[in-house]
PDB file of N, CA and C in Angstrom:
ATOM      1  N   UNK A   1       0.953 -12.165 -11.684  1.00  0.00           N
ATOM      2  CA  UNK A   1      -0.085 -11.157 -11.609  1.00  0.00           C
ATOM      3  C   UNK A   1       0.595  -9.794 -11.494  1.00  0.00           C
ATOM      4  N   UNK A   2       0.120  -8.821 -12.241  1.00  0.00           N
ATOM      5  CA  UNK A   2       0.648  -7.460 -12.172  1.00  0.00           C
ATOM      6  C   UNK A   2      -0.414  -6.543 -11.581  1.00  0.00           C
ATOM      7  N   UNK A   3      -0.013  -5.738 -10.602  1.00  0.00           N
ATOM      8  CA  UNK A   3      -0.933  -4.839  -9.913  1.00  0.00           C
ATOM      9  C   UNK A   3      -0.387  -3.414 -10.042  1.00  0.00           C
ATOM     10  N   UNK A   4      -1.241  -2.452 -10.437  1.00  0.00           N
ATOM     11  CA  UNK A   4      -0.770  -1.071 -10.549  1.00  0.00           C
ATOM     12  C   UNK A   4      -0.539  -0.445  -9.183  1.00  0.00           C
ATOM     13  N   UNK A   5       0.504   0.375  -9.104  1.00  0.00           N
ATOM     14  CA  UNK A   5       0.821   1.135  -7.888  1.00  0.00           C
ATOM     15  C   UNK A   5       0.686   2.610  -8.258  1.00  0.00           C
ATOM     16  N   UNK A   6      -0.144   3.321  -7.489  1.00  0.00           N
ATOM     17  CA  UNK A   6      -0.415   4.728  -7.771  1.00  0.00           C
ATOM     18  C   UNK A   6       0.185   5.632  -6.707  1.00  0.00           C
ATOM     19  N   UNK A   7       0.498   6.853  -7.093  1.00  0.00           N
ATOM     20  CA  UNK A   7       0.908   7.895  -6.151  1.00  0.00           C
ATOM     21  C   UNK A   7      -0.331   8.329  -5.374  1.00  0.00           C
ATOM     22  N   UNK A   8      -0.132   9.100  -4.325  1.00  0.00           N
ATOM     23  CA  UNK A   8      -1.257   9.552  -3.514  1.00  0.00           C
ATOM     24  C   UNK A   8      -2.238  10.412  -4.304  1.00  0.00           C
ATOM     25  N   UNK A   9      -1.762  11.030  -5.394  1.00  0.00           N
ATOM     26  CA  UNK A   9      -2.646  11.840  -6.233  1.00  0.00           C
ATOM     27  C   UNK A   9      -3.319  11.017  -7.338  1.00  0.00           C
ATOM     28  N   UNK A  10      -3.067   9.709  -7.369  1.00  0.00           N
ATOM     29  CA  UNK A  10      -3.698   8.826  -8.339  1.00  0.00           C
ATOM     30  C   UNK A  10      -2.876   8.540  -9.579  1.00  0.00           C
ATOM     31  N   UNK A  11      -1.742   9.208  -9.758  1.00  0.00           N
ATOM     32  CA  UNK A  11      -0.895   8.976 -10.933  1.00  0.00           C
ATOM     33  C   UNK A  11      -0.260   7.586 -10.856  1.00  0.00           C
ATOM     34  N   UNK A  12      -0.226   6.898 -11.986  1.00  0.00           N
ATOM     35  CA  UNK A  12       0.383   5.573 -12.049  1.00  0.00           C
ATOM     36  C   UNK A  12       1.895   5.685 -11.885  1.00  0.00           C
ATOM     37  N   UNK A  13       2.442   4.962 -10.910  1.00  0.00           N
ATOM     38  CA  UNK A  13       3.885   4.977 -10.668  1.00  0.00           C
ATOM     39  C   UNK A  13       4.586   3.768 -11.285  1.00  0.00           C
ATOM     40  N   UNK A  14       3.984   2.597 -11.128  1.00  0.00           N
ATOM     41  CA  UNK A  14       4.627   1.358 -11.578  1.00  0.00           C
ATOM     42  C   UNK A  14       3.625   0.218 -11.487  1.00  0.00           C
ATOM     43  N   UNK A  15       4.057  -0.927 -11.959  1.00  0.00           N
ATOM     44  CA  UNK A  15       3.301  -2.154 -11.756  1.00  0.00           C
ATOM     45  C   UNK A  15       4.128  -3.065 -10.865  1.00  0.00           C
ATOM     46  N   UNK A  16       3.464  -3.698  -9.923  1.00  0.00           N
ATOM     47  CA  UNK A  16       4.124  -4.655  -9.046  1.00  0.00           C
ATOM     48  C   UNK A  16       3.779  -6.048  -9.543  1.00  0.00           C
ATOM     49  N   UNK A  17       4.794  -6.866  -9.732  1.00  0.00           N
ATOM     50  CA  UNK A  17       4.562  -8.259 -10.081  1.00  0.00           C
ATOM     51  C   UNK A  17       4.409  -9.073  -8.810  1.00  0.00           C
ATOM     52  N   UNK A  18       3.363  -9.871  -8.743  1.00  0.00           N
ATOM     53  CA  UNK A  18       3.122 -10.709  -7.571  1.00  0.00           C
ATOM     54  C   UNK A  18       3.170 -12.158  -8.012  1.00  0.00           C
ATOM     55  N   UNK A  19       4.044 -12.932  -7.374  1.00  0.00           N
ATOM     56  CA  UNK A  19       4.132 -14.361  -7.665  1.00  0.00           C
ATOM     57  C   UNK A  19       2.835 -15.029  -7.238  1.00  0.00           C
ATOM     58  N   UNK A  20       2.365 -15.964  -8.020  1.00  0.00           N
ATOM     59  CA  UNK A  20       1.106 -16.632  -7.710  1.00  0.00           C
ATOM     60  C   UNK A  20       1.261 -17.723  -6.661  1.00  0.00           C
ATOM     61  N   UNK A  21       2.479 -18.089  -6.365  1.00  0.00           N
ATOM     62  CA  UNK A  21       2.749 -19.110  -5.351  1.00  0.00           C
ATOM     63  C   UNK A  21       3.504 -18.480  -4.192  1.00  0.00           C
ATOM     64  N   UNK A  22       3.096 -18.796  -2.969  1.00  0.00           N
ATOM     65  CA  UNK A  22       3.768 -18.249  -1.786  1.00  0.00           C
ATOM     66  C   UNK A  22       5.205 -18.754  -1.666  1.00  0.00           C
ATOM     67  N   UNK A  23       5.511 -19.851  -2.335  1.00  0.00           N
ATOM     68  CA  UNK A  23       6.852 -20.426  -2.251  1.00  0.00           C
ATOM     69  C   UNK A  23       7.856 -19.709  -3.146  1.00  0.00           C
ATOM     70  N   UNK A  24       7.367 -18.946  -4.128  1.00  0.00           N
ATOM     71  CA  UNK A  24       8.271 -18.233  -5.033  1.00  0.00           C
ATOM     72  C   UNK A  24       8.916 -17.062  -4.308  1.00  0.00           C
ATOM     73  N   UNK A  25      10.182 -16.834  -4.605  1.00  0.00           N
ATOM     74  CA  UNK A  25      10.897 -15.749  -3.948  1.00  0.00           C
ATOM     75  C   UNK A  25      11.685 -14.966  -4.993  1.00  0.00           C
ATOM     76  N   UNK A  26      11.651 -13.652  -4.981  1.00  0.00           N
ATOM     77  CA  UNK A  26      10.820 -12.826  -4.118  1.00  0.00           C
ATOM     78  C   UNK A  26       9.370 -12.873  -4.570  1.00  0.00           C
ATOM     79  N   UNK A  27       8.461 -12.629  -3.656  1.00  0.00           N
ATOM     80  CA  UNK A  27       7.033 -12.695  -3.969  1.00  0.00           C
ATOM     81  C   UNK A  27       6.556 -11.443  -4.693  1.00  0.00           C
ATOM     82  N   UNK A  28       7.172 -10.285  -4.374  1.00  0.00           N
ATOM     83  CA  UNK A  28       6.779  -9.021  -4.979  1.00  0.00           C
ATOM     84  C   UNK A  28       7.956  -8.459  -5.771  1.00  0.00           C
ATOM     85  N   UNK A  29       7.719  -8.130  -7.036  1.00  0.00           N
ATOM     86  CA  UNK A  29       8.766  -7.601  -7.911  1.00  0.00           C
ATOM     87  C   UNK A  29       8.367  -6.222  -8.420  1.00  0.00           C
ATOM     88  N   UNK A  30       9.334  -5.293  -8.383  1.00  0.00           N
ATOM     89  CA  UNK A  30       9.108  -3.931  -8.843  1.00  0.00           C
ATOM     90  C   UNK A  30      10.114  -3.596  -9.931  1.00  0.00           C
ATOM     91  N   UNK A  31       9.782  -2.645 -10.815  1.00  0.00           N
ATOM     92  CA  UNK A  31      10.750  -2.208 -11.820  1.00  0.00           C
ATOM     93  C   UNK A  31      11.995  -1.632 -11.145  1.00  0.00           C
ATOM     94  N   UNK A  32      13.125  -1.764 -11.784  1.00  0.00           N
ATOM     95  CA  UNK A  32      14.391  -1.317 -11.192  1.00  0.00           C
ATOM     96  C   UNK A  32      14.430   0.194 -10.946  1.00  0.00           C
ATOM     97  N   UNK A  33      13.671   0.976 -11.695  1.00  0.00           N
ATOM     98  CA  UNK A  33      13.693   2.433 -11.524  1.00  0.00           C
ATOM     99  C   UNK A  33      12.625   2.930 -10.545  1.00  0.00           C
ATOM    100  N   UNK A  34      11.969   2.034  -9.826  1.00  0.00           N
ATOM    101  CA  UNK A  34      10.902   2.383  -8.885  1.00  0.00           C
ATOM    102  C   UNK A  34      11.377   2.162  -7.455  1.00  0.00           C
ATOM    103  N   UNK A  35      11.144   3.154  -6.583  1.00  0.00           N
ATOM    104  CA  UNK A  35      11.510   3.047  -5.172  1.00  0.00           C
ATOM    105  C   UNK A  35      10.266   2.681  -4.364  1.00  0.00           C
ATOM    106  N   UNK A  36      10.114   1.418  -3.956  1.00  0.00           N
ATOM    107  CA  UNK A  36       8.909   1.006  -3.232  1.00  0.00           C
ATOM    108  C   UNK A  36       8.746   1.704  -1.882  1.00  0.00           C
ATOM    109  N   UNK A  37       9.824   2.198  -1.301  1.00  0.00           N
ATOM    110  CA  UNK A  37       9.730   2.892  -0.014  1.00  0.00           C
ATOM    111  C   UNK A  37       9.066   4.259  -0.145  1.00  0.00           C
ATOM    112  N   UNK A  38       8.934   4.755  -1.365  1.00  0.00           N
ATOM    113  CA  UNK A  38       8.376   6.087  -1.586  1.00  0.00           C
ATOM    114  C   UNK A  38       6.878   6.077  -1.870  1.00  0.00           C
ATOM    115  N   UNK A  39       6.228   4.915  -1.729  1.00  0.00           N
ATOM    116  CA  UNK A  39       4.806   4.823  -2.043  1.00  0.00           C
ATOM    117  C   UNK A  39       4.050   4.095  -0.934  1.00  0.00           C
ATOM    118  N   UNK A  40       2.784   4.417  -0.824  1.00  0.00           N
ATOM    119  CA  UNK A  40       1.864   3.702   0.065  1.00  0.00           C
ATOM    120  C   UNK A  40       0.820   3.070  -0.851  1.00  0.00           C
ATOM    121  N   UNK A  41       0.791   1.748  -0.890  1.00  0.00           N
ATOM    122  CA  UNK A  41      -0.140   1.053  -1.783  1.00  0.00           C
ATOM    123  C   UNK A  41      -1.575   1.327  -1.355  1.00  0.00           C
ATOM    124  N   UNK A  42      -2.396   1.750  -2.302  1.00  0.00           N
ATOM    125  CA  UNK A  42      -3.810   2.053  -2.114  1.00  0.00           C
ATOM    126  C   UNK A  42      -4.022   3.382  -1.378  1.00  0.00           C
ATOM    127  N   UNK A  43      -2.957   4.145  -1.172  1.00  0.00           N
ATOM    128  CA  UNK A  43      -3.067   5.430  -0.487  1.00  0.00           C
ATOM    129  C   UNK A  43      -3.923   6.430  -1.241  1.00  0.00           C
ATOM    130  N   UNK A  44      -4.001   6.290  -2.551  1.00  0.00           N
ATOM    131  CA  UNK A  44      -4.808   7.195  -3.361  1.00  0.00           C
ATOM    132  C   UNK A  44      -6.304   6.998  -3.140  1.00  0.00           C
ATOM    133  N   UNK A  45      -6.693   5.908  -2.493  1.00  0.00           N
ATOM    134  CA  UNK A  45      -8.116   5.607  -2.281  1.00  0.00           C
ATOM    135  C   UNK A  45      -8.563   5.787  -0.830  1.00  0.00           C
ATOM    136  N   UNK A  46      -7.680   6.300   0.009  1.00  0.00           N
ATOM    137  CA  UNK A  46      -8.011   6.482   1.420  1.00  0.00           C
ATOM    138  C   UNK A  46      -9.110   7.531   1.569  1.00  0.00           C
ATOM    139  N   UNK A  47     -10.059   7.207   2.454  1.00  0.00           N
ATOM    140  CA  UNK A  47     -11.154   8.121   2.756  1.00  0.00           C
ATOM    141  C   UNK A  47     -11.193   8.393   4.247  1.00  0.00           C
ATOM    142  N   UNK A  48     -11.916   9.410   4.617  1.00  0.00           N
ATOM    143  CA  UNK A  48     -12.061   9.819   6.013  1.00  0.00           C
ATOM    144  C   UNK A  48     -12.581   8.658   6.861  1.00  0.00           C
ATOM    145  N   UNK A  49     -12.128   8.604   8.111  1.00  0.00           N
ATOM    146  CA  UNK A  49     -12.600   7.584   9.039  1.00  0.00           C
ATOM    147  C   UNK A  49     -11.474   6.716   9.550  1.00  0.00           C
ATOM    148  N   UNK A  50     -11.721   5.430   9.625  1.00  0.00           N
ATOM    149  CA  UNK A  50     -10.742   4.459  10.119  1.00  0.00           C
ATOM    150  C   UNK A  50      -9.919   3.910   8.959  1.00  0.00           C
ATOM    151  N   UNK A  51      -8.618   3.757   9.184  1.00  0.00           N
ATOM    152  CA  UNK A  51      -7.705   3.234   8.175  1.00  0.00           C
ATOM    153  C   UNK A  51      -7.080   1.949   8.681  1.00  0.00           C
ATOM    154  N   UNK A  52      -7.002   0.954   7.812  1.00  0.00           N
ATOM    155  CA  UNK A  52      -6.391  -0.331   8.158  1.00  0.00           C
ATOM    156  C   UNK A  52      -5.032  -0.438   7.475  1.00  0.00           C
ATOM    157  N   UNK A  53      -4.026  -0.871   8.231  1.00  0.00           N
ATOM    158  CA  UNK A  53      -2.686  -1.076   7.684  1.00  0.00           C
ATOM    159  C   UNK A  53      -2.438  -2.570   7.565  1.00  0.00           C
ATOM    160  N   UNK A  54      -2.246  -3.040   6.350  1.00  0.00           N
ATOM    161  CA  UNK A  54      -1.991  -4.452   6.079  1.00  0.00           C
ATOM    162  C   UNK A  54      -0.496  -4.691   5.897  1.00  0.00           C
ATOM    163  N   UNK A  55      -0.107  -5.949   5.886  1.00  0.00           N
ATOM    164  CA  UNK A  55       1.307  -6.311   5.769  1.00  0.00           C
ATOM    165  C   UNK A  55       1.810  -6.250   4.328  1.00  0.00           C
ATOM    166  N   UNK A  56       0.923  -6.487   3.350  1.00  0.00           N
ATOM    167  CA  UNK A  56       1.377  -6.517   1.960  1.00  0.00           C
ATOM    168  C   UNK A  56       0.206  -6.306   1.000  1.00  0.00           C
ATOM    169  N   UNK A  57       0.517  -6.235  -0.278  1.00  0.00           N
ATOM    170  CA  UNK A  57      -0.475  -5.965  -1.315  1.00  0.00           C
ATOM    171  C   UNK A  57      -1.574  -7.018  -1.338  1.00  0.00           C
ATOM    172  N   UNK A  58      -1.224  -8.271  -1.187  1.00  0.00           N
ATOM    173  CA  UNK A  58      -2.221  -9.346  -1.226  1.00  0.00           C
ATOM    174  C   UNK A  58      -3.252  -9.154  -0.118  1.00  0.00           C
ATOM    175  N   UNK A  59      -2.813  -8.777   1.071  1.00  0.00           N
ATOM    176  CA  UNK A  59      -3.755  -8.539   2.165  1.00  0.00           C
ATOM    177  C   UNK A  59      -4.668  -7.347   1.880  1.00  0.00           C
ATOM    178  N   UNK A  60      -4.145  -6.318   1.226  1.00  0.00           N
ATOM    179  CA  UNK A  60      -4.979  -5.171   0.846  1.00  0.00           C
ATOM    180  C   UNK A  60      -6.048  -5.622  -0.142  1.00  0.00           C
ATOM    181  N   UNK A  61      -5.664  -6.401  -1.134  1.00  0.00           N
ATOM    182  CA  UNK A  61      -6.623  -6.899  -2.125  1.00  0.00           C
ATOM    183  C   UNK A  61      -7.658  -7.820  -1.493  1.00  0.00           C
ATOM    184  N   UNK A  62      -7.236  -8.671  -0.564  1.00  0.00           N
ATOM    185  CA  UNK A  62      -8.168  -9.561   0.137  1.00  0.00           C
ATOM    186  C   UNK A  62      -9.145  -8.760   0.989  1.00  0.00           C
ATOM    187  N   UNK A  63      -8.654  -7.713   1.648  1.00  0.00           N
ATOM    188  CA  UNK A  63      -9.534  -6.866   2.458  1.00  0.00           C
ATOM    189  C   UNK A  63     -10.603  -6.231   1.575  1.00  0.00           C
ATOM    190  N   UNK A  64     -10.191  -5.695   0.429  1.00  0.00           N
ATOM    191  CA  UNK A  64     -11.130  -5.073  -0.498  1.00  0.00           C
ATOM    192  C   UNK A  64     -12.171  -6.084  -0.973  1.00  0.00           C
ATOM    193  N   UNK A  65     -11.708  -7.282  -1.278  1.00  0.00           N
ATOM    194  CA  UNK A  65     -12.611  -8.339  -1.739  1.00  0.00           C
ATOM    195  C   UNK A  65     -13.648  -8.685  -0.668  1.00  0.00           C
ATOM    196  N   UNK A  66     -13.281  -8.500   0.589  1.00  0.00           N
ATOM    197  CA  UNK A  66     -14.182  -8.799   1.705  1.00  0.00           C
ATOM    198  C   UNK A  66     -14.932  -7.563   2.207  1.00  0.00           C
ATOM    199  N   UNK A  67     -14.909  -6.481   1.430  1.00  0.00           N
ATOM    200  CA  UNK A  67     -15.690  -5.301   1.757  1.00  0.00           C
ATOM    201  C   UNK A  67     -15.005  -4.278   2.636  1.00  0.00           C
ATOM    202  N   UNK A  68     -13.719  -4.464   2.938  1.00  0.00           N
ATOM    203  CA  UNK A  68     -12.967  -3.513   3.754  1.00  0.00           C
ATOM    204  C   UNK A  68     -12.139  -2.659   2.800  1.00  0.00           C
ATOM    205  N   UNK A  69     -12.634  -1.459   2.506  1.00  0.00           N
ATOM    206  CA  UNK A  69     -12.035  -0.646   1.448  1.00  0.00           C
ATOM    207  C   UNK A  69     -10.901   0.254   1.905  1.00  0.00           C
ATOM    208  N   UNK A  70     -10.899   0.739   3.104  1.00  0.00           N
ATOM    209  CA  UNK A  70      -9.913   1.727   3.559  1.00  0.00           C
ATOM    210  C   UNK A  70      -8.683   1.016   4.134  1.00  0.00           C
ATOM    211  N   UNK A  71      -7.974   0.305   3.262  1.00  0.00           N
ATOM    212  CA  UNK A  71      -6.813  -0.482   3.674  1.00  0.00           C
ATOM    213  C   UNK A  71      -5.621  -0.136   2.798  1.00  0.00           C
ATOM    214  N   UNK A  72      -4.462   0.044   3.431  1.00  0.00           N
ATOM    215  CA  UNK A  72      -3.223   0.371   2.731  1.00  0.00           C
ATOM    216  C   UNK A  72      -2.101  -0.543   3.231  1.00  0.00           C
ATOM    217  N   UNK A  73      -0.980  -0.496   2.531  1.00  0.00           N
ATOM    218  CA  UNK A  73       0.223  -1.181   3.011  1.00  0.00           C
ATOM    219  C   UNK A  73       1.450  -0.463   2.471  1.00  0.00           C
ATOM    220  N   UNK A  74       2.556  -0.683   3.146  1.00  0.00           N
ATOM    221  CA  UNK A  74       3.838  -0.231   2.631  1.00  0.00           C
ATOM    222  C   UNK A  74       4.347  -1.307   1.687  1.00  0.00           C
ATOM    223  N   UNK A  75       5.226  -0.946   0.789  1.00  0.00           N
ATOM    224  CA  UNK A  75       5.725  -1.883  -0.221  1.00  0.00           C
ATOM    225  C   UNK A  75       7.100  -2.440   0.132  1.00  0.00           C
ATOM    226  N   UNK A  76       7.483  -2.287   1.374  1.00  0.00           N
ATOM    227  CA  UNK A  76       8.769  -2.795   1.853  1.00  0.00           C
ATOM    228  C   UNK A  76       8.520  -3.724   3.034  1.00  0.00           C
ATOM    229  N   UNK A  77       9.503  -4.543   3.360  1.00  0.00           N
ATOM    230  CA  UNK A  77       9.346  -5.453   4.495  1.00  0.00           C
ATOM    231  C   UNK A  77       9.404  -4.711   5.819  1.00  0.00           C
ATOM    232  N   UNK A  78      10.310  -3.767   5.943  1.00  0.00           N
ATOM    233  CA  UNK A  78      10.412  -2.951   7.148  1.00  0.00           C
ATOM    234  C   UNK A  78       9.762  -1.601   6.909  1.00  0.00           C
ATOM    235  N   UNK A  79       9.589  -0.846   7.977  1.00  0.00           N
ATOM    236  CA  UNK A  79       8.977   0.478   7.875  1.00  0.00           C
ATOM    237  C   UNK A  79       9.970   1.511   8.394  1.00  0.00           C
ATOM    238  N   UNK A  80      10.233   2.522   7.579  1.00  0.00           N
ATOM    239  CA  UNK A  80      11.176   3.574   7.961  1.00  0.00           C
ATOM    240  C   UNK A  80      10.432   4.758   8.586  1.00  0.00           C
ATOM    241  N   UNK A  81      11.182   5.637   9.218  1.00  0.00           N
ATOM    242  CA  UNK A  81      10.608   6.855   9.790  1.00  0.00           C
ATOM    243  C   UNK A  81       9.976   7.703   8.689  1.00  0.00           C
ATOM    244  N   UNK A  82      10.595   7.766   7.528  1.00  0.00           N
ATOM    245  CA  UNK A  82      10.056   8.532   6.403  1.00  0.00           C
ATOM    246  C   UNK A  82       8.701   7.973   5.967  1.00  0.00           C
ATOM    247  N   UNK A  83       8.562   6.655   5.951  1.00  0.00           N
ATOM    248  CA  UNK A  83       7.286   6.051   5.576  1.00  0.00           C
ATOM    249  C   UNK A  83       6.205   6.374   6.612  1.00  0.00           C
ATOM    250  N   UNK A  84       6.573   6.353   7.886  1.00  0.00           N
ATOM    251  CA  UNK A  84       5.614   6.705   8.933  1.00  0.00           C
ATOM    252  C   UNK A  84       5.179   8.159   8.807  1.00  0.00           C
ATOM    253  N   UNK A  85       6.105   9.037   8.447  1.00  0.00           N
ATOM    254  CA  UNK A  85       5.768  10.438   8.226  1.00  0.00           C
ATOM    255  C   UNK A  85       4.816  10.588   7.040  1.00  0.00           C
ATOM    256  N   UNK A  86       5.047   9.824   5.969  1.00  0.00           N
ATOM    257  CA  UNK A  86       4.147   9.847   4.812  1.00  0.00           C
ATOM    258  C   UNK A  86       2.747   9.410   5.218  1.00  0.00           C
ATOM    259  N   UNK A  87       2.674   8.350   6.026  1.00  0.00           N
ATOM    260  CA  UNK A  87       1.381   7.832   6.467  1.00  0.00           C
ATOM    261  C   UNK A  87       0.673   8.833   7.371  1.00  0.00           C
ATOM    262  N   UNK A  88       1.411   9.447   8.286  1.00  0.00           N
ATOM    263  CA  UNK A  88       0.817  10.446   9.180  1.00  0.00           C
ATOM    264  C   UNK A  88       0.287  11.641   8.383  1.00  0.00           C
ATOM    265  N   UNK A  89       1.031  12.071   7.383  1.00  0.00           N
ATOM    266  CA  UNK A  89       0.606  13.176   6.535  1.00  0.00           C
ATOM    267  C   UNK A  89      -0.667  12.810   5.765  1.00  0.00           C
ATOM    268  N   UNK A  90      -0.701  11.605   5.231  1.00  0.00           N
ATOM    269  CA  UNK A  90      -1.884  11.126   4.506  1.00  0.00           C
ATOM    270  C   UNK A  90      -3.096  11.082   5.436  1.00  0.00           C
ATOM    271  N   UNK A  91      -2.892  10.604   6.668  1.00  0.00           N
ATOM    272  CA  UNK A  91      -3.983  10.527   7.631  1.00  0.00           C
ATOM    273  C   UNK A  91      -4.512  11.916   7.973  1.00  0.00           C
ATOM    274  N   UNK A  92      -3.625  12.879   8.140  1.00  0.00           N
ATOM    275  CA  UNK A  92      -4.041  14.255   8.409  1.00  0.00           C
ATOM    276  C   UNK A  92      -4.834  14.821   7.229  1.00  0.00           C
ATOM    277  N   UNK A  93      -4.299  14.619   6.035  1.00  0.00           N
ATOM    278  CA  UNK A  93      -4.927  15.151   4.821  1.00  0.00           C
ATOM    279  C   UNK A  93      -6.317  14.561   4.602  1.00  0.00           C
ATOM    280  N   UNK A  94      -6.484  13.276   4.846  1.00  0.00           N
ATOM    281  CA  UNK A  94      -7.759  12.593   4.586  1.00  0.00           C
ATOM    282  C   UNK A  94      -8.670  12.541   5.816  1.00  0.00           C
ATOM    283  N   UNK A  95      -8.217  13.147   6.918  1.00  0.00           N
ATOM    284  CA  UNK A  95      -8.994  13.184   8.165  1.00  0.00           C
ATOM    285  C   UNK A  95      -9.291  11.779   8.699  1.00  0.00           C
ATOM    286  N   UNK A  96      -8.247  10.974   8.719  1.00  0.00           N
ATOM    287  CA  UNK A  96      -8.346   9.631   9.287  1.00  0.00           C
ATOM    288  C   UNK A  96      -8.089   9.760  10.792  1.00  0.00           C
ATOM    289  N   UNK A  97      -9.020   9.240  11.589  1.00  0.00           N
ATOM    290  CA  UNK A  97      -8.887   9.412  13.027  1.00  0.00           C
ATOM    291  C   UNK A  97      -8.420   8.165  13.769  1.00  0.00           C
ATOM    292  N   UNK A  98      -8.326   7.028  13.092  1.00  0.00           N
ATOM    293  CA  UNK A  98      -7.912   5.792  13.743  1.00  0.00           C
ATOM    294  C   UNK A  98      -7.177   4.895  12.759  1.00  0.00           C
ATOM    295  N   UNK A  99      -6.056   4.349  13.176  1.00  0.00           N
ATOM    296  CA  UNK A  99      -5.285   3.404  12.374  1.00  0.00           C
ATOM    297  C   UNK A  99      -5.316   2.045  13.049  1.00  0.00           C
ATOM    298  N   UNK A 100      -5.747   1.031  12.316  1.00  0.00           N
ATOM    299  CA  UNK A 100      -5.799  -0.330  12.814  1.00  0.00           C
ATOM    300  C   UNK A 100      -4.733  -1.150  12.091  1.00  0.00           C
ATOM    301  N   UNK A 101      -3.968  -1.892  12.861  1.00  0.00           N
ATOM    302  CA  UNK A 101      -2.902  -2.702  12.273  1.00  0.00           C
ATOM    303  C   UNK A 101      -3.271  -4.167  12.374  1.00  0.00           C
TER     304      UNK A 101
END
């Protein structure tokens, strides 16, 4: 399965390949010229209010399918200080007042 990854302004950055089986490794594949640490998945769709932080792309898609739209995730296994700064900036810009993990 291929899922588009957008910049915060909505521009298409890359496609993420997702293995259909949890046993396949790696589960998430990105193009070699794409830096997954520089993007917040679904960040372009964040709206004012409460924001949910999921562990991965599949959880974001499942949340959306279940009616929870304001959900994002980082595209890396760990979270860096730079990624937290990106998220804080996005929250300020979109007037998000609560982050749920």
